[in-house]
PDB file of all heavy atoms in Angstrom:
ATOM      1  N   THR A   1     -70.122 -57.132  89.740  1.00  0.00           N
ATOM      2  CA  THR A   1     -69.494 -56.165  88.793  1.00  0.00           C
ATOM      3  C   THR A   1     -69.946 -56.423  87.383  1.00  0.00           C
ATOM      4  O   THR A   1     -70.010 -57.650  86.971  1.00  0.00           O
ATOM      5  CB  THR A   1     -67.972 -56.317  88.846  1.00  0.00           C
ATOM      6  OG1 THR A   1     -67.533 -56.208  90.208  1.00  0.00           O
ATOM      7  CG2 THR A   1     -67.248 -55.313  87.992  1.00  0.00           C
ATOM      8  N   SER A   2     -70.254 -55.435  86.688  1.00  0.00           N
ATOM      9  CA  SER A   2     -70.598 -55.488  85.218  1.00  0.00           C
ATOM     10  C   SER A   2     -69.850 -54.412  84.520  1.00  0.00           C
ATOM     11  O   SER A   2     -69.869 -53.221  84.905  1.00  0.00           O
ATOM     12  CB  SER A   2     -72.124 -55.388  85.001  1.00  0.00           C
ATOM     13  OG  SER A   2     -72.410 -55.549  83.644  1.00  0.00           O
ATOM     14  N   CYS A   3     -69.169 -54.812  83.410  1.00  0.00           N
ATOM     15  CA  CYS A   3     -68.291 -53.844  82.693  1.00  0.00           C
ATOM     16  C   CYS A   3     -68.830 -53.480  81.270  1.00  0.00           C
ATOM     17  O   CYS A   3     -68.249 -52.650  80.635  1.00  0.00           O
ATOM     18  CB  CYS A   3     -66.923 -54.372  82.571  1.00  0.00           C
ATOM     19  SG  CYS A   3     -66.136 -54.600  84.229  1.00  0.00           S
ATOM     20  N   GLN A   4     -69.784 -54.239  80.759  1.00  0.00           N
ATOM     21  CA  GLN A   4     -70.323 -54.014  79.440  1.00  0.00           C
ATOM     22  C   GLN A   4     -71.756 -54.444  79.434  1.00  0.00           C
ATOM     23  O   GLN A   4     -72.190 -55.238  80.180  1.00  0.00           O
ATOM     24  CB  GLN A   4     -69.580 -54.832  78.421  1.00  0.00           C
ATOM     25  CG  GLN A   4     -68.127 -54.527  78.251  1.00  0.00           C
ATOM     26  CD  GLN A   4     -67.481 -55.511  77.298  1.00  0.00           C
ATOM     27  OE1 GLN A   4     -67.585 -56.738  77.534  1.00  0.00           O
ATOM     28  NE2 GLN A   4     -66.858 -55.048  76.245  1.00  0.00           N
ATOM     29  N   GLY A   5     -72.491 -53.832  78.467  1.00  0.00           N
ATOM     30  CA  GLY A   5     -73.848 -54.297  78.204  1.00  0.00           C
ATOM     31  C   GLY A   5     -74.924 -53.773  79.060  1.00  0.00           C
ATOM     32  O   GLY A   5     -76.058 -53.983  78.857  1.00  0.00           O
ATOM     33  N   ARG A   6     -74.567 -53.068  80.197  1.00  0.00           N
ATOM     34  CA  ARG A   6     -75.545 -52.475  81.092  1.00  0.00           C
ATOM     35  C   ARG A   6     -75.173 -51.002  81.210  1.00  0.00           C
ATOM     36  O   ARG A   6     -74.054 -50.615  81.233  1.00  0.00           O
ATOM     37  CB  ARG A   6     -75.479 -53.155  82.482  1.00  0.00           C
ATOM     38  CG  ARG A   6     -75.973 -54.534  82.433  1.00  0.00           C
ATOM     39  CD  ARG A   6     -76.118 -55.072  83.846  1.00  0.00           C
ATOM     40  NE  ARG A   6     -76.752 -56.407  83.891  1.00  0.00           N
ATOM     41  CZ  ARG A   6     -76.185 -57.603  83.721  1.00  0.00           C
ATOM     42  NH1 ARG A   6     -74.886 -57.640  83.585  1.00  0.00           N
ATOM     43  NH2 ARG A   6     -76.889 -58.672  83.730  1.00  0.00           N
ATOM     44  N   ARG A   7     -76.224 -50.184  81.464  1.00  0.00           N
ATOM     45  CA  ARG A   7     -76.014 -48.747  81.617  1.00  0.00           C
ATOM     46  C   ARG A   7     -75.233 -48.495  82.897  1.00  0.00           C
ATOM     47  O   ARG A   7     -75.676 -48.914  83.995  1.00  0.00           O
ATOM     48  CB  ARG A   7     -77.300 -48.049  81.615  1.00  0.00           C
ATOM     49  CG  ARG A   7     -77.145 -46.542  81.809  1.00  0.00           C
ATOM     50  CD  ARG A   7     -78.409 -45.854  81.482  1.00  0.00           C
ATOM     51  NE  ARG A   7     -78.484 -45.828  80.051  1.00  0.00           N
ATOM     52  CZ  ARG A   7     -79.118 -44.897  79.349  1.00  0.00           C
ATOM     53  NH1 ARG A   7     -79.719 -43.956  79.965  1.00  0.00           N
ATOM     54  NH2 ARG A   7     -79.091 -44.927  78.056  1.00  0.00           N
ATOM     55  N   GLY A   8     -74.095 -47.845  82.778  1.00  0.00           N
ATOM     56  CA  GLY A   8     -73.270 -47.573  83.966  1.00  0.00           C
ATOM     57  C   GLY A   8     -72.729 -46.140  83.973  1.00  0.00           C
ATOM     58  O   GLY A   8     -72.942 -45.329  83.049  1.00  0.00           O
ATOM     59  N   PHE A   9     -72.000 -45.847  85.035  1.00  0.00           N
ATOM     60  CA  PHE A   9     -71.409 -44.544  85.171  1.00  0.00           C
ATOM     61  C   PHE A   9     -69.948 -44.541  84.721  1.00  0.00           C
ATOM     62  O   PHE A   9     -69.448 -43.482  84.366  1.00  0.00           O
ATOM     63  CB  PHE A   9     -71.471 -44.107  86.669  1.00  0.00           C
ATOM     64  CG  PHE A   9     -72.822 -43.871  87.181  1.00  0.00           C
ATOM     65  CD1 PHE A   9     -73.516 -44.879  87.842  1.00  0.00           C
ATOM     66  CD2 PHE A   9     -73.425 -42.604  87.073  1.00  0.00           C
ATOM     67  CE1 PHE A   9     -74.799 -44.632  88.338  1.00  0.00           C
ATOM     68  CE2 PHE A   9     -74.686 -42.412  87.496  1.00  0.00           C
ATOM     69  CZ  PHE A   9     -75.369 -43.421  88.140  1.00  0.00           C
ATOM     70  N   GLY A  10     -69.325 -45.704  84.755  1.00  0.00           N
ATOM     71  CA  GLY A  10     -67.923 -45.791  84.379  1.00  0.00           C
ATOM     72  C   GLY A  10     -67.578 -47.061  83.603  1.00  0.00           C
ATOM     73  O   GLY A  10     -68.473 -47.747  83.083  1.00  0.00           O
ATOM     74  N   SER A  11     -66.298 -47.441  83.679  1.00  0.00           N
ATOM     75  CA  SER A  11     -65.841 -48.595  82.942  1.00  0.00           C
ATOM     76  C   SER A  11     -66.414 -49.875  83.431  1.00  0.00           C
ATOM     77  O   SER A  11     -66.740 -50.811  82.721  1.00  0.00           O
ATOM     78  CB  SER A  11     -64.347 -48.648  82.796  1.00  0.00           C
ATOM     79  OG  SER A  11     -63.767 -48.756  84.101  1.00  0.00           O
ATOM     80  N   CYS A  12     -66.499 -50.031  84.802  1.00  0.00           N
ATOM     81  CA  CYS A  12     -67.115 -51.155  85.439  1.00  0.00           C
ATOM     82  C   CYS A  12     -67.859 -50.553  86.623  1.00  0.00           C
ATOM     83  O   CYS A  12     -67.438 -49.663  87.294  1.00  0.00           O
ATOM     84  CB  CYS A  12     -66.095 -52.122  85.995  1.00  0.00           C
ATOM     85  SG  CYS A  12     -65.233 -53.050  84.714  1.00  0.00           S
ATOM     86  N   ASP A  13     -69.078 -51.036  86.855  1.00  0.00           N
ATOM     87  CA  ASP A  13     -69.985 -50.597  87.929  1.00  0.00           C
ATOM     88  C   ASP A  13     -70.508 -51.780  88.748  1.00  0.00           C
ATOM     89  O   ASP A  13     -70.449 -52.903  88.295  1.00  0.00           O
ATOM     90  CB  ASP A  13     -71.132 -49.832  87.383  1.00  0.00           C
ATOM     91  CG  ASP A  13     -70.875 -48.435  86.961  1.00  0.00           C
ATOM     92  OD1 ASP A  13     -69.712 -47.968  87.166  1.00  0.00           O
ATOM     93  OD2 ASP A  13     -71.783 -47.683  86.553  1.00  0.00           O
ATOM     94  N   LEU A  14     -70.989 -51.474  89.907  1.00  0.00           N
ATOM     95  CA  LEU A  14     -71.582 -52.511  90.773  1.00  0.00           C
ATOM     96  C   LEU A  14     -73.118 -52.440  90.582  1.00  0.00           C
ATOM     97  O   LEU A  14     -73.705 -51.364  90.544  1.00  0.00           O
ATOM     98  CB  LEU A  14     -71.211 -52.292  92.212  1.00  0.00           C
ATOM     99  CG  LEU A  14     -69.691 -52.374  92.534  1.00  0.00           C
ATOM    100  CD1 LEU A  14     -69.422 -52.178  94.033  1.00  0.00           C
ATOM    101  CD2 LEU A  14     -69.137 -53.690  92.090  1.00  0.00           C
ATOM    102  N   PHE A  15     -73.724 -53.600  90.485  1.00  0.00           N
ATOM    103  CA  PHE A  15     -75.122 -53.751  90.272  1.00  0.00           C
ATOM    104  C   PHE A  15     -75.647 -54.712  91.382  1.00  0.00           C
ATOM    105  O   PHE A  15     -74.963 -55.534  91.879  1.00  0.00           O
ATOM    106  CB  PHE A  15     -75.403 -54.436  88.873  1.00  0.00           C
ATOM    107  CG  PHE A  15     -75.181 -53.480  87.724  1.00  0.00           C
ATOM    108  CD1 PHE A  15     -73.876 -53.186  87.325  1.00  0.00           C
ATOM    109  CD2 PHE A  15     -76.250 -52.829  87.096  1.00  0.00           C
ATOM    110  CE1 PHE A  15     -73.667 -52.340  86.289  1.00  0.00           C
ATOM    111  CE2 PHE A  15     -76.032 -51.987  86.060  1.00  0.00           C
ATOM    112  CZ  PHE A  15     -74.739 -51.683  85.634  1.00  0.00           C
ATOM    113  N   GLU A  16     -76.958 -54.582  91.658  1.00  0.00           N
ATOM    114  CA  GLU A  16     -77.554 -55.494  92.593  1.00  0.00           C
ATOM    115  C   GLU A  16     -78.809 -56.112  92.021  1.00  0.00           C
ATOM    116  O   GLU A  16     -79.512 -55.570  91.132  1.00  0.00           O
ATOM    117  CB  GLU A  16     -77.891 -54.756  93.868  1.00  0.00           C
ATOM    118  CG  GLU A  16     -79.030 -53.713  93.800  1.00  0.00           C
ATOM    119  CD  GLU A  16     -79.381 -53.066  95.054  1.00  0.00           C
ATOM    120  OE1 GLU A  16     -79.851 -53.773  95.975  1.00  0.00           O
ATOM    121  OE2 GLU A  16     -79.049 -51.855  95.240  1.00  0.00           O
ATOM    122  N   SER A  17     -78.980 -57.326  92.510  1.00  0.00           N
ATOM    123  CA  SER A  17     -80.195 -58.132  92.086  1.00  0.00           C
ATOM    124  C   SER A  17     -80.745 -58.751  93.388  1.00  0.00           C
ATOM    125  O   SER A  17     -79.918 -59.232  94.226  1.00  0.00           O
ATOM    126  CB  SER A  17     -79.878 -59.182  91.064  1.00  0.00           C
ATOM    127  OG  SER A  17     -80.970 -59.925  90.724  1.00  0.00           O
ATOM    128  N   ARG A  18     -82.045 -58.854  93.532  1.00  0.00           N
ATOM    129  CA  ARG A  18     -82.671 -59.473  94.718  1.00  0.00           C
ATOM    130  C   ARG A  18     -83.383 -60.756  94.300  1.00  0.00           C
ATOM    131  O   ARG A  18     -83.974 -60.785  93.208  1.00  0.00           O
ATOM    132  CB  ARG A  18     -83.563 -58.478  95.387  1.00  0.00           C
ATOM    133  CG  ARG A  18     -82.841 -57.290  95.962  1.00  0.00           C
ATOM    134  CD  ARG A  18     -83.687 -56.352  96.784  1.00  0.00           C
ATOM    135  NE  ARG A  18     -82.899 -55.231  97.281  1.00  0.00           N
ATOM    136  CZ  ARG A  18     -82.165 -55.245  98.445  1.00  0.00           C
ATOM    137  NH1 ARG A  18     -82.221 -56.296  99.138  1.00  0.00           N
ATOM    138  NH2 ARG A  18     -81.531 -54.193  98.781  1.00  0.00           N
ATOM    139  N   LYS A  19     -83.370 -61.732  95.196  1.00  0.00           N
ATOM    140  CA  LYS A  19     -83.978 -62.974  94.891  1.00  0.00           C
ATOM    141  C   LYS A  19     -85.443 -62.817  95.461  1.00  0.00           C
ATOM    142  O   LYS A  19     -85.624 -62.610  96.659  1.00  0.00           O
ATOM    143  CB  LYS A  19     -83.304 -64.111  95.528  1.00  0.00           C
ATOM    144  CG  LYS A  19     -83.797 -65.448  94.998  1.00  0.00           C
ATOM    145  CD  LYS A  19     -82.869 -66.584  95.470  1.00  0.00           C
ATOM    146  CE  LYS A  19     -83.278 -67.859  94.748  1.00  0.00           C
ATOM    147  NZ  LYS A  19     -82.425 -68.953  95.278  1.00  0.00           N
ATOM    148  N   VAL A  20     -86.401 -62.972  94.588  1.00  0.00           N
ATOM    149  CA  VAL A  20     -87.884 -62.956  94.934  1.00  0.00           C
ATOM    150  C   VAL A  20     -88.414 -64.321  94.552  1.00  0.00           C
ATOM    151  O   VAL A  20     -88.448 -64.695  93.420  1.00  0.00           O
ATOM    152  CB  VAL A  20     -88.568 -61.835  94.168  1.00  0.00           C
ATOM    153  CG1 VAL A  20     -90.062 -61.802  94.518  1.00  0.00           C
ATOM    154  CG2 VAL A  20     -87.950 -60.442  94.468  1.00  0.00           C
ATOM    155  N   GLY A  21     -88.802 -65.024  95.633  1.00  0.00           N
ATOM    156  CA  GLY A  21     -89.199 -66.436  95.333  1.00  0.00           C
ATOM    157  C   GLY A  21     -87.927 -67.196  94.915  1.00  0.00           C
ATOM    158  O   GLY A  21     -86.933 -67.235  95.652  1.00  0.00           O
ATOM    159  N   GLU A  22     -88.015 -67.797  93.747  1.00  0.00           N
ATOM    160  CA  GLU A  22     -86.891 -68.524  93.234  1.00  0.00           C
ATOM    161  C   GLU A  22     -86.194 -67.830  92.074  1.00  0.00           C
ATOM    162  O   GLU A  22     -85.366 -68.350  91.426  1.00  0.00           O
ATOM    163  CB  GLU A  22     -87.325 -69.902  92.782  1.00  0.00           C
ATOM    164  CG  GLU A  22     -87.773 -70.778  93.942  1.00  0.00           C
ATOM    165  CD  GLU A  22     -86.689 -71.026  94.970  1.00  0.00           C
ATOM    166  OE1 GLU A  22     -85.496 -71.282  94.596  1.00  0.00           O
ATOM    167  OE2 GLU A  22     -86.956 -70.858  96.202  1.00  0.00           O
ATOM    168  N   GLN A  23     -86.615 -66.541  91.798  1.00  0.00           N
ATOM    169  CA  GLN A  23     -86.094 -65.789  90.715  1.00  0.00           C
ATOM    170  C   GLN A  23     -85.305 -64.567  91.147  1.00  0.00           C
ATOM    171  O   GLN A  23     -85.657 -63.896  92.112  1.00  0.00           O
ATOM    172  CB  GLN A  23     -87.260 -65.330  89.792  1.00  0.00           C
ATOM    173  CG  GLN A  23     -88.087 -66.440  89.217  1.00  0.00           C
ATOM    174  CD  GLN A  23     -87.324 -67.232  88.182  1.00  0.00           C
ATOM    175  OE1 GLN A  23     -86.580 -66.656  87.367  1.00  0.00           O
ATOM    176  NE2 GLN A  23     -87.483 -68.548  88.223  1.00  0.00           N
ATOM    177  N   TRP A  24     -84.249 -64.223  90.361  1.00  0.00           N
ATOM    178  CA  TRP A  24     -83.486 -63.048  90.581  1.00  0.00           C
ATOM    179  C   TRP A  24     -84.176 -61.894  89.760  1.00  0.00           C
ATOM    180  O   TRP A  24     -84.516 -62.090  88.615  1.00  0.00           O
ATOM    181  CB  TRP A  24     -82.013 -63.211  90.207  1.00  0.00           C
ATOM    182  CG  TRP A  24     -81.292 -64.115  91.125  1.00  0.00           C
ATOM    183  CD1 TRP A  24     -81.069 -65.482  90.953  1.00  0.00           C
ATOM    184  CD2 TRP A  24     -80.758 -63.774  92.395  1.00  0.00           C
ATOM    185  NE1 TRP A  24     -80.391 -65.995  92.003  1.00  0.00           N
ATOM    186  CE2 TRP A  24     -80.169 -64.962  92.950  1.00  0.00           C
ATOM    187  CE3 TRP A  24     -80.735 -62.634  93.172  1.00  0.00           C
ATOM    188  CZ2 TRP A  24     -79.536 -65.027  94.170  1.00  0.00           C
ATOM    189  CZ3 TRP A  24     -80.100 -62.661  94.403  1.00  0.00           C
ATOM    190  CH2 TRP A  24     -79.510 -63.858  94.872  1.00  0.00           C
TER     191      TRP A  24
END
């Protein structure tokens, strides 16, 4: 969940990140 600082649709949105090698 991210509620500020990222472009979203509402007050809090769900974001995804994938691990590639050792980095997200």
